[in-house]
Amino acid sequence: MFADRAKILIRSGKGGDGHVSFRRELYVPNGGPDGGDGGRGGDVIFEVDEGLNTLQDYRHRKKFAAKDGMPGQKRRCHGADAEDIVLKVPEGTVIKEAESGKVIADMSGENRRQIILKGGRGGLGNQHYATSTMQVPKYAQPGQPSRELWVTLELKVIADVGLVGFPNVGKSTFLSRVTNARPKIANYHFTTLNPNLGVVDLDNGQGFVIADIPGLIEGASEGVGLGHEFLRHIERTKLIIHVVDAAGTEGRDPVEDIYKINDELKAYNPEIAGRPQIIAANKIDVVYSGGEDPVERLKAEFEPKGIKVYPISGVTGEGLKELLYAVSKELQGMDSSPKVFAQEYFPEEELIYENLPYTVSKEDEVYVVEGPKIEKMLGYTNLDSEKGFAFFQKFLKNTGILDELIAAGIQEGDTVRMYGLQFDYYM
């Protein structure tokens, strides 16, 4: 089976613990604290690999963890930062939070590399906690804990055009005639079990990419048959070509087939069903004379609805050129950039905003904010960056900490301390 979906557990590295030690040298028997800081835990990073086209690497291995940071040492020695873990995925992979199904990242377009889980910050050594009243601090900050997250990986192929249709209507034959793709072709249902991609090259330079979506059957959107496994691959396409057996070689009605496929698309995602469509009335080479012309019947039914019908033969090549140039012309009026799914789930914010306790107090004219919630926020927020500091301010406001400081009587210019870090308060 084509590996286009996987569920895995990712874990960032724990920050190394800060160290407690005191300077002890000849002639300096009572030196001050010199415990070093712990190293940063490794990040979990996803990166696009152009050489991959499936998620096969994630089918059998389910857990991926970054290394932990090393603890600090005496003499102010900093613990070593851990290596990040980089997970390679094919372009078009969408990473989602497993429980909610919300998008964390879409590895498409310009997004080639993204940190999904940041490693824990290393803890501060006891050298940071010396004060005028506490000259021998026997406390060091532990490293921030590692973080785990179940995610699903979904490969949604990047193509301009999606080929849909019932099994055995000739989609694979069509694709092999008009592109460089070489799908397996045989005369039985569900020969195509992979979403094949092919590039159409036209004389005017307006080529495009076609994805052959494995054959659908009624009820596919509800999980019937195998076709539903591949419906996700049509989500990025800009235009849909319905390939239909105009000759009815298997006894099916081509008009009914179009409606049934549209119903499946609508049930899966109404937005997809509303995209521009073109009907490829295939197998006209075996349409017998006499009786009603099936191509004219298709045109009478769908062209008044704005859906053009092009008679073609995947075997003889008849009508293919007209169809391809019509598709190219339609695409030229659309946005050329691939569809990219916007981020909906932000691991940093979701995990930091957990319901953890904190306290606000006042010591020697300094306002002190402490507790697991604060430790977690400081451990995963880069206050040196503009984005990180903006998140820090948003965090103080949204969690009610700012309101509590105001209620405690804080004034402009007063000092706020959070685990060794000090800030001046300004309105």
Protein backbone atom coordinates (compact mmCIF):
# COMPACT_ATOMS: atom_id res chain seq x y z
CA MET A 1 0.00 0.00 0.00
CA PHE A 2 1.24 3.51 -0.85
CA ALA A 3 2.49 5.10 2.40
CA ASP A 4 0.83 8.51 2.46
CA ARG A 5 -0.25 8.62 6.11
CA ALA A 6 1.45 7.90 9.44
CA LYS A 7 0.99 8.61 13.14
CA ILE A 8 4.10 9.12 15.24
CA LEU A 9 5.16 10.34 18.69
CA ILE A 10 7.78 13.09 18.70
CA ARG A 11 9.76 14.18 21.76
CA SER A 12 12.05 17.15 22.21
CA GLY A 13 15.13 16.96 24.42
CA LYS A 14 15.17 17.86 28.09
CA GLY A 15 17.32 20.82 29.11
CA GLY A 16 20.36 19.99 31.21
CA ASP A 17 20.16 20.83 34.92
CA GLY A 18 22.00 23.80 36.35
CA HIS A 19 24.89 22.88 38.65
CA VAL A 20 25.45 23.72 42.33
CA SER A 21 29.09 24.23 43.25
CA PHE A 22 31.39 26.75 44.95
CA ARG A 23 34.82 28.00 44.07
CA ARG A 24 37.37 26.07 46.09
CA GLU A 25 41.01 26.86 45.35
CA LEU A 26 44.21 27.27 47.28
CA TYR A 27 44.06 30.55 49.16
CA VAL A 28 40.36 30.87 48.21
CA PRO A 29 38.72 28.48 50.67
CA ASN A 30 35.37 30.25 50.69
CA GLY A 31 34.82 31.32 47.09
CA GLY A 32 31.45 32.21 45.71
CA PRO A 33 29.06 30.04 43.69
CA ASP A 34 30.40 28.87 40.32
CA GLY A 35 27.83 26.33 39.15
CA GLY A 36 27.41 26.34 35.34
CA ASP A 37 24.22 26.33 33.31
CA GLY A 38 22.76 23.24 31.68
CA GLY A 39 22.75 22.73 27.93
CA ARG A 40 19.74 23.14 25.66
CA GLY A 41 17.70 20.06 24.76
CA GLY A 42 17.44 19.09 21.09
CA ASP A 43 14.63 20.38 18.87
CA VAL A 44 12.39 18.21 16.69
CA ILE A 45 12.68 19.55 13.14
CA PHE A 46 10.86 18.48 9.98
CA GLU A 47 12.62 19.04 6.65
CA VAL A 48 11.62 18.47 3.03
CA ASP A 49 13.70 15.87 1.17
CA GLU A 50 13.34 16.14 -2.61
CA GLY A 51 14.32 12.48 -2.96
CA LEU A 52 11.32 11.17 -1.00
CA ASN A 53 7.82 10.57 -2.39
CA THR A 54 6.21 8.48 0.36
CA LEU A 55 6.05 8.32 4.17
CA GLN A 56 7.38 4.76 4.20
CA ASP A 57 10.04 5.61 6.81
CA TYR A 58 7.29 6.27 9.36
CA ARG A 59 5.17 3.18 8.79
CA HIS A 60 7.01 0.88 11.21
CA ARG A 61 8.92 3.20 13.53
CA LYS A 62 6.57 5.28 15.69
CA LYS A 63 8.73 7.16 18.20
CA PHE A 64 11.33 9.85 17.43
CA ALA A 65 13.19 11.66 20.20
CA ALA A 66 15.84 14.37 20.30
CA LYS A 67 18.75 14.12 22.75
CA ASP A 68 18.80 15.78 26.18
CA GLY A 69 21.11 18.66 27.06
CA MET A 70 24.07 17.98 29.34
CA PRO A 71 24.06 19.32 32.92
CA GLY A 72 26.21 22.29 33.92
CA GLN A 73 29.53 21.76 35.64
CA LYS A 74 31.62 23.51 38.26
CA ARG A 75 33.83 26.49 37.42
CA ARG A 76 30.97 28.06 35.46
CA CYS A 77 31.25 25.42 32.73
CA HIS A 78 28.18 25.31 30.48
CA GLY A 79 26.68 21.91 29.71
CA ALA A 80 26.79 20.91 26.05
CA ASP A 81 23.72 21.61 23.93
CA ALA A 82 22.08 18.50 22.49
CA GLU A 83 21.82 17.71 18.79
CA ASP A 84 18.48 18.32 17.13
CA ILE A 85 16.62 15.47 15.45
CA VAL A 86 15.73 16.19 11.81
CA LEU A 87 12.89 14.16 10.29
CA LYS A 88 12.90 14.07 6.48
CA VAL A 89 9.53 14.08 4.68
CA PRO A 90 8.44 14.45 1.03
CA GLU A 91 7.22 17.81 -0.20
CA GLY A 92 3.49 18.16 0.35
CA THR A 93 3.47 16.53 3.82
CA VAL A 94 1.01 18.12 6.24
CA ILE A 95 1.79 17.70 9.95
CA LYS A 96 -1.25 17.71 12.25
CA GLU A 97 -1.81 17.44 15.99
CA ALA A 98 -3.20 13.92 16.27
CA GLU A 99 -6.09 14.51 18.69
CA SER A 100 -7.55 17.71 17.25
CA GLY A 101 -6.53 17.23 13.61
CA LYS A 102 -5.35 20.86 13.48
CA VAL A 103 -2.52 21.73 11.10
CA ILE A 104 0.87 22.39 12.69
CA ALA A 105 2.86 22.73 9.47
CA ASP A 106 2.49 22.25 5.72
CA MET A 107 5.84 21.29 4.23
CA SER A 108 5.10 22.86 0.86
CA GLY A 109 6.03 25.90 -1.18
CA GLU A 110 8.71 27.95 0.58
CA ASN A 111 8.40 26.04 3.86
CA ARG A 112 11.31 23.56 3.56
CA ARG A 113 12.31 23.29 7.23
CA GLN A 114 10.37 23.95 10.43
CA ILE A 115 10.92 23.40 14.15
CA ILE A 116 7.86 21.58 15.49
CA LEU A 117 8.92 21.02 19.13
CA LYS A 118 11.62 23.11 20.77
CA GLY A 119 13.96 21.47 23.23
CA GLY A 120 13.94 22.52 26.86
CA ARG A 121 16.16 25.38 27.94
CA GLY A 122 19.04 24.44 30.21
CA GLY A 123 18.68 25.29 33.88
CA LEU A 124 20.66 28.15 35.43
CA GLY A 125 23.55 27.27 37.74
CA ASN A 126 23.70 28.57 41.28
CA GLN A 127 26.07 31.39 40.20
CA HIS A 128 22.95 33.27 39.03
CA TYR A 129 21.24 33.22 42.44
CA ALA A 130 23.79 35.00 44.59
CA THR A 131 22.38 38.16 46.17
CA SER A 132 23.46 40.52 48.93
CA THR A 133 21.37 38.54 51.38
CA MET A 134 22.00 35.08 49.89
CA GLN A 135 25.73 34.76 49.17
CA VAL A 136 25.83 30.96 49.32
CA PRO A 137 22.89 29.80 47.16
CA LYS A 138 22.52 26.04 47.25
CA TYR A 139 19.88 26.05 44.57
CA ALA A 140 20.23 25.63 40.79
CA GLN A 141 17.45 25.62 38.26
CA PRO A 142 16.54 22.24 36.77
CA GLY A 143 16.49 21.96 33.00
CA GLN A 144 13.14 22.40 31.30
CA PRO A 145 11.44 19.04 30.74
CA SER A 146 11.13 17.38 27.39
CA ARG A 147 7.86 17.65 25.49
CA GLU A 148 5.93 14.96 23.69
CA LEU A 149 3.32 15.26 21.00
CA TRP A 150 1.45 12.72 18.88
CA VAL A 151 1.24 13.97 15.31
CA THR A 152 -0.20 12.61 12.08
CA LEU A 153 1.64 12.99 8.81
CA GLU A 154 -0.46 13.24 5.66
CA LEU A 155 1.07 13.41 2.21
CA LYS A 156 -1.11 15.51 -0.10
CA VAL A 157 0.46 15.48 -3.55
CA ILE A 158 1.13 18.81 -5.23
CA ALA A 159 -0.54 18.90 -8.64
CA ASP A 160 -2.45 21.44 -10.72
CA VAL A 161 -5.00 18.96 -12.03
CA GLY A 162 -6.63 15.93 -10.45
CA LEU A 163 -7.94 13.03 -12.53
CA VAL A 164 -10.99 11.39 -10.98
CA GLY A 165 -13.32 8.70 -12.19
CA PHE A 166 -14.59 5.21 -11.51
CA PRO A 167 -12.17 2.28 -11.77
CA ASN A 168 -11.35 1.13 -15.28
CA VAL A 169 -12.49 4.29 -17.12
CA GLY A 170 -9.04 4.78 -18.65
CA LYS A 171 -7.38 7.33 -16.35
CA SER A 172 -4.04 5.52 -16.29
CA THR A 173 -4.05 5.11 -20.07
CA PHE A 174 -4.86 8.81 -20.45
CA LEU A 175 -2.05 9.79 -18.09
CA SER A 176 0.49 7.62 -19.91
CA ARG A 177 -0.44 9.22 -23.26
CA VAL A 178 -0.20 12.86 -22.21
CA THR A 179 2.60 12.88 -19.60
CA ASN A 180 5.92 11.30 -18.74
CA ALA A 181 4.25 9.04 -16.16
CA ARG A 182 4.26 5.30 -16.68
CA PRO A 183 1.51 3.89 -14.48
CA LYS A 184 0.70 0.19 -14.50
CA ILE A 185 -2.27 -0.49 -16.76
CA ALA A 186 -4.50 -3.55 -16.76
CA ASN A 187 -8.14 -4.35 -17.33
CA TYR A 188 -9.35 -4.88 -13.78
CA HIS A 189 -10.58 -2.72 -10.97
CA PHE A 190 -8.16 -0.89 -8.74
CA THR A 191 -5.07 -1.52 -10.79
CA THR A 192 -3.93 1.94 -9.65
CA LEU A 193 -3.13 1.88 -5.95
CA ASN A 194 -0.74 4.84 -6.01
CA PRO A 195 -1.59 8.44 -6.89
CA ASN A 196 0.56 8.76 -10.02
CA LEU A 197 1.97 12.16 -10.98
CA GLY A 198 2.76 13.24 -14.53
CA VAL A 199 3.95 16.46 -16.18
CA VAL A 200 2.21 17.72 -19.33
CA ASP A 201 4.53 19.62 -21.68
CA LEU A 202 2.80 21.87 -24.23
CA ASP A 203 4.24 23.82 -27.15
CA ASN A 204 3.30 27.18 -25.59
CA GLY A 205 5.37 26.43 -22.49
CA GLN A 206 2.25 26.37 -20.31
CA GLY A 207 2.75 22.87 -18.90
CA PHE A 208 1.11 21.53 -15.76
CA VAL A 209 1.15 18.60 -13.34
CA ILE A 210 -1.59 15.97 -13.29
CA ALA A 211 -2.32 13.58 -10.41
CA ASP A 212 -4.15 10.35 -11.21
CA ILE A 213 -6.27 9.69 -8.11
CA PRO A 214 -7.04 5.95 -7.71
CA GLY A 215 -10.55 4.99 -8.76
CA LEU A 216 -13.46 5.95 -6.55
CA ILE A 217 -16.60 3.99 -5.88
CA GLU A 218 -19.88 4.96 -4.26
CA GLY A 219 -19.44 5.46 -0.54
CA ALA A 220 -15.71 6.21 -0.85
CA SER A 221 -16.08 9.37 1.25
CA GLU A 222 -17.50 7.20 4.04
CA GLY A 223 -14.61 4.75 3.90
CA VAL A 224 -16.01 2.20 1.46
CA GLY A 225 -13.44 0.59 -0.84
CA LEU A 226 -9.90 1.88 -1.28
CA GLY A 227 -10.58 5.15 -3.08
CA HIS A 228 -11.21 7.07 0.13
CA GLU A 229 -7.58 6.50 1.14
CA PHE A 230 -6.51 8.85 -1.66
CA LEU A 231 -9.13 11.60 -1.60
CA ARG A 232 -6.68 13.78 0.35
CA HIS A 233 -4.47 13.95 -2.73
CA ILE A 234 -7.01 16.04 -4.59
CA GLU A 235 -7.08 18.75 -1.92
CA ARG A 236 -4.29 20.82 -3.52
CA THR A 237 -5.50 20.59 -7.13
CA LYS A 238 -6.89 23.68 -8.83
CA LEU A 239 -8.96 21.91 -11.49
CA ILE A 240 -10.61 18.50 -11.77
CA ILE A 241 -10.86 16.34 -14.88
CA HIS A 242 -13.62 13.74 -14.72
CA VAL A 243 -12.63 10.82 -16.90
CA VAL A 244 -15.77 8.92 -17.85
CA ASP A 245 -16.35 5.83 -19.98
CA ALA A 246 -18.53 7.42 -22.66
CA ALA A 247 -18.99 4.07 -24.39
CA GLY A 248 -20.36 2.44 -21.25
CA THR A 249 -18.21 -0.65 -21.84
CA GLU A 250 -18.96 -1.96 -18.35
CA GLY A 251 -22.66 -1.21 -18.48
CA ARG A 252 -22.53 2.00 -16.41
CA ASP A 253 -24.26 5.22 -17.39
CA PRO A 254 -21.68 8.01 -17.98
CA VAL A 255 -24.04 10.81 -16.85
CA GLU A 256 -24.82 8.99 -13.62
CA ASP A 257 -21.10 8.34 -13.08
CA ILE A 258 -20.33 12.08 -13.13
CA TYR A 259 -23.04 12.81 -10.57
CA LYS A 260 -21.92 9.97 -8.32
CA ILE A 261 -18.30 11.13 -8.34
CA ASN A 262 -19.37 14.71 -7.59
CA ASP A 263 -21.47 13.45 -4.69
CA GLU A 264 -18.41 11.67 -3.25
CA LEU A 265 -16.29 14.82 -3.61
CA LYS A 266 -19.00 16.94 -2.00
CA ALA A 267 -19.34 14.53 0.92
CA TYR A 268 -15.57 14.55 1.47
CA ASN A 269 -15.05 18.30 1.07
CA PRO A 270 -17.66 20.65 -0.47
CA GLU A 271 -14.96 23.18 -1.34
CA ILE A 272 -13.24 20.64 -3.60
CA ALA A 273 -16.50 19.80 -5.36
CA GLY A 274 -16.91 23.49 -6.18
CA ARG A 275 -13.63 23.77 -8.07
CA PRO A 276 -13.59 24.12 -11.89
CA GLN A 277 -14.23 20.86 -13.70
CA ILE A 278 -13.79 19.46 -17.21
CA ILE A 279 -15.24 16.17 -18.44
CA ALA A 280 -13.08 13.87 -20.57
CA ALA A 281 -15.53 11.60 -22.42
CA ASN A 282 -13.14 8.67 -22.95
CA LYS A 283 -13.28 5.54 -25.14
CA ILE A 284 -14.98 7.21 -28.09
CA ASP A 285 -13.05 4.75 -30.27
CA VAL A 286 -15.45 2.01 -29.15
CA VAL A 287 -18.68 4.02 -29.34
CA TYR A 288 -20.90 2.26 -31.88
CA SER A 289 -22.98 4.21 -34.37
CA GLY A 290 -26.73 4.13 -34.06
CA GLY A 291 -28.84 5.20 -31.15
CA GLU A 292 -28.17 8.17 -28.88
CA ASP A 293 -24.73 9.77 -29.05
CA PRO A 294 -23.33 9.53 -25.48
CA VAL A 295 -21.00 12.52 -25.97
CA GLU A 296 -23.86 14.77 -27.07
CA ARG A 297 -25.88 13.53 -24.11
CA LEU A 298 -23.05 14.49 -21.74
CA LYS A 299 -22.76 17.92 -23.36
CA ALA A 300 -26.50 18.54 -23.13
CA GLU A 301 -26.45 17.59 -19.43
CA PHE A 302 -23.33 19.39 -18.18
CA GLU A 303 -22.33 22.23 -20.51
CA PRO A 304 -25.36 24.34 -19.48
CA LYS A 305 -23.89 24.03 -15.94
CA GLY A 306 -20.57 25.47 -17.16
CA ILE A 307 -18.73 22.14 -17.35
CA LYS A 308 -17.12 21.59 -20.75
CA VAL A 309 -17.11 18.09 -22.30
CA TYR A 310 -14.25 16.92 -24.52
CA PRO A 311 -14.51 13.60 -26.42
CA ILE A 312 -11.21 11.71 -26.29
CA SER A 313 -9.65 8.32 -26.83
CA GLY A 314 -6.77 7.38 -24.57
CA VAL A 315 -5.94 4.52 -26.93
CA THR A 316 -5.83 6.37 -30.27
CA GLY A 317 -5.00 9.84 -28.92
CA GLU A 318 -8.01 11.47 -30.56
CA GLY A 319 -9.11 14.72 -28.87
CA LEU A 320 -6.25 14.80 -26.35
CA LYS A 321 -4.60 17.92 -27.75
CA GLU A 322 -7.84 19.93 -27.59
CA LEU A 323 -8.47 18.80 -24.02
CA LEU A 324 -4.95 19.63 -22.79
CA TYR A 325 -4.93 23.12 -24.29
CA ALA A 326 -8.36 23.79 -22.76
CA VAL A 327 -7.00 22.75 -19.35
CA SER A 328 -3.91 24.93 -19.84
CA LYS A 329 -6.04 27.94 -20.75
CA GLU A 330 -8.21 27.42 -17.67
CA LEU A 331 -5.16 27.18 -15.39
CA GLN A 332 -3.63 30.38 -16.77
CA GLY A 333 -6.46 32.34 -15.20
CA MET A 334 -5.79 30.85 -11.75
CA ASP A 335 -3.24 31.51 -9.02
CA SER A 336 -0.06 29.65 -9.98
CA SER A 337 1.17 29.13 -6.42
CA PRO A 338 0.38 25.76 -4.80
CA LYS A 339 -2.33 25.56 -2.16
CA VAL A 340 -0.72 25.64 1.29
CA PHE A 341 -2.66 24.82 4.45
CA ALA A 342 -2.44 27.49 7.15
CA GLN A 343 -1.17 26.68 10.64
CA GLU A 344 -3.98 26.07 13.14
CA TYR A 345 -2.14 24.51 16.08
CA PHE A 346 0.83 26.20 17.76
CA PRO A 347 2.67 23.72 20.01
CA GLU A 348 4.55 26.44 21.87
CA GLU A 349 1.39 28.23 22.93
CA GLU A 350 -0.80 25.16 23.43
CA LEU A 351 1.62 23.48 25.83
CA ILE A 352 2.73 26.65 27.65
CA TYR A 353 -0.88 27.65 28.39
CA GLU A 354 -1.53 24.42 30.30
CA ASN A 355 -3.35 24.88 33.61
CA LEU A 356 -0.29 25.03 35.87
CA PRO A 357 0.06 27.04 39.12
CA TYR A 358 2.09 30.20 39.71
CA THR A 359 2.48 32.78 42.49
CA VAL A 360 2.90 36.56 42.56
CA SER A 361 4.64 38.02 45.64
CA LYS A 362 6.79 40.97 46.72
CA GLU A 363 10.26 40.65 48.26
CA ASP A 364 12.48 43.67 49.09
CA GLU A 365 10.62 45.98 46.69
CA VAL A 366 10.93 43.39 43.89
CA TYR A 367 7.86 41.64 42.51
CA VAL A 368 8.52 37.89 42.17
CA VAL A 369 6.55 35.63 39.82
CA GLU A 370 7.25 31.89 40.19
CA GLY A 371 5.70 28.51 39.61
CA PRO A 372 5.64 25.67 37.03
CA LYS A 373 3.70 27.80 34.54
CA ILE A 374 6.43 30.47 34.54
CA GLU A 375 9.24 27.93 34.35
CA LYS A 376 7.66 26.29 31.32
CA MET A 377 7.07 29.60 29.55
CA LEU A 378 10.63 30.83 30.13
CA GLY A 379 12.05 27.48 29.12
CA TYR A 380 10.46 27.50 25.68
CA THR A 381 10.46 31.19 24.80
CA ASN A 382 13.38 33.01 23.22
CA LEU A 383 13.18 36.41 24.89
CA ASP A 384 16.07 37.70 22.77
CA SER A 385 13.92 37.64 19.64
CA GLU A 386 11.24 40.20 18.85
CA LYS A 387 8.66 37.46 18.26
CA GLY A 388 9.58 35.69 21.48
CA PHE A 389 9.36 38.85 23.60
CA ALA A 390 6.00 39.72 22.02
CA PHE A 391 4.75 36.25 22.98
CA PHE A 392 6.10 36.78 26.52
CA GLN A 393 4.04 39.98 26.87
CA LYS A 394 0.97 38.28 25.42
CA PHE A 395 1.45 35.40 27.87
CA LEU A 396 1.53 37.73 30.89
CA LYS A 397 -1.66 39.42 29.75
CA ASN A 398 -3.66 36.34 28.69
CA THR A 399 -2.86 34.29 31.79
CA GLY A 400 -3.89 37.07 34.20
CA ILE A 401 -0.38 37.52 35.63
CA LEU A 402 -0.29 41.17 34.57
CA ASP A 403 -3.62 41.83 36.31
CA GLU A 404 -2.28 40.23 39.51
CA LEU A 405 0.86 42.38 39.43
CA ILE A 406 -1.31 45.49 39.08
CA ALA A 407 -3.52 44.31 41.94
CA ALA A 408 -0.38 43.79 44.05
CA GLY A 409 0.46 47.47 43.57
CA ILE A 410 3.19 47.42 40.92
CA GLN A 411 4.17 50.87 39.61
CA GLU A 412 5.97 52.02 36.49
CA GLY A 413 9.73 51.42 36.85
CA ASP A 414 9.35 48.66 39.45
CA THR A 415 11.35 45.45 39.03
CA VAL A 416 9.85 42.01 38.29
CA ARG A 417 11.94 38.87 38.84
CA MET A 418 11.20 35.50 37.27
CA TYR A 419 13.70 32.74 38.08
CA GLY A 420 16.89 34.80 37.83
CA LEU A 421 15.61 37.07 35.04
CA GLN A 422 14.72 40.67 35.94
CA PHE A 423 12.52 43.12 34.02
CA ASP A 424 11.49 46.71 34.55
CA TYR A 425 7.74 47.24 34.47
CA TYR A 426 6.32 49.91 32.15
CA MET A 427 2.71 50.55 31.27
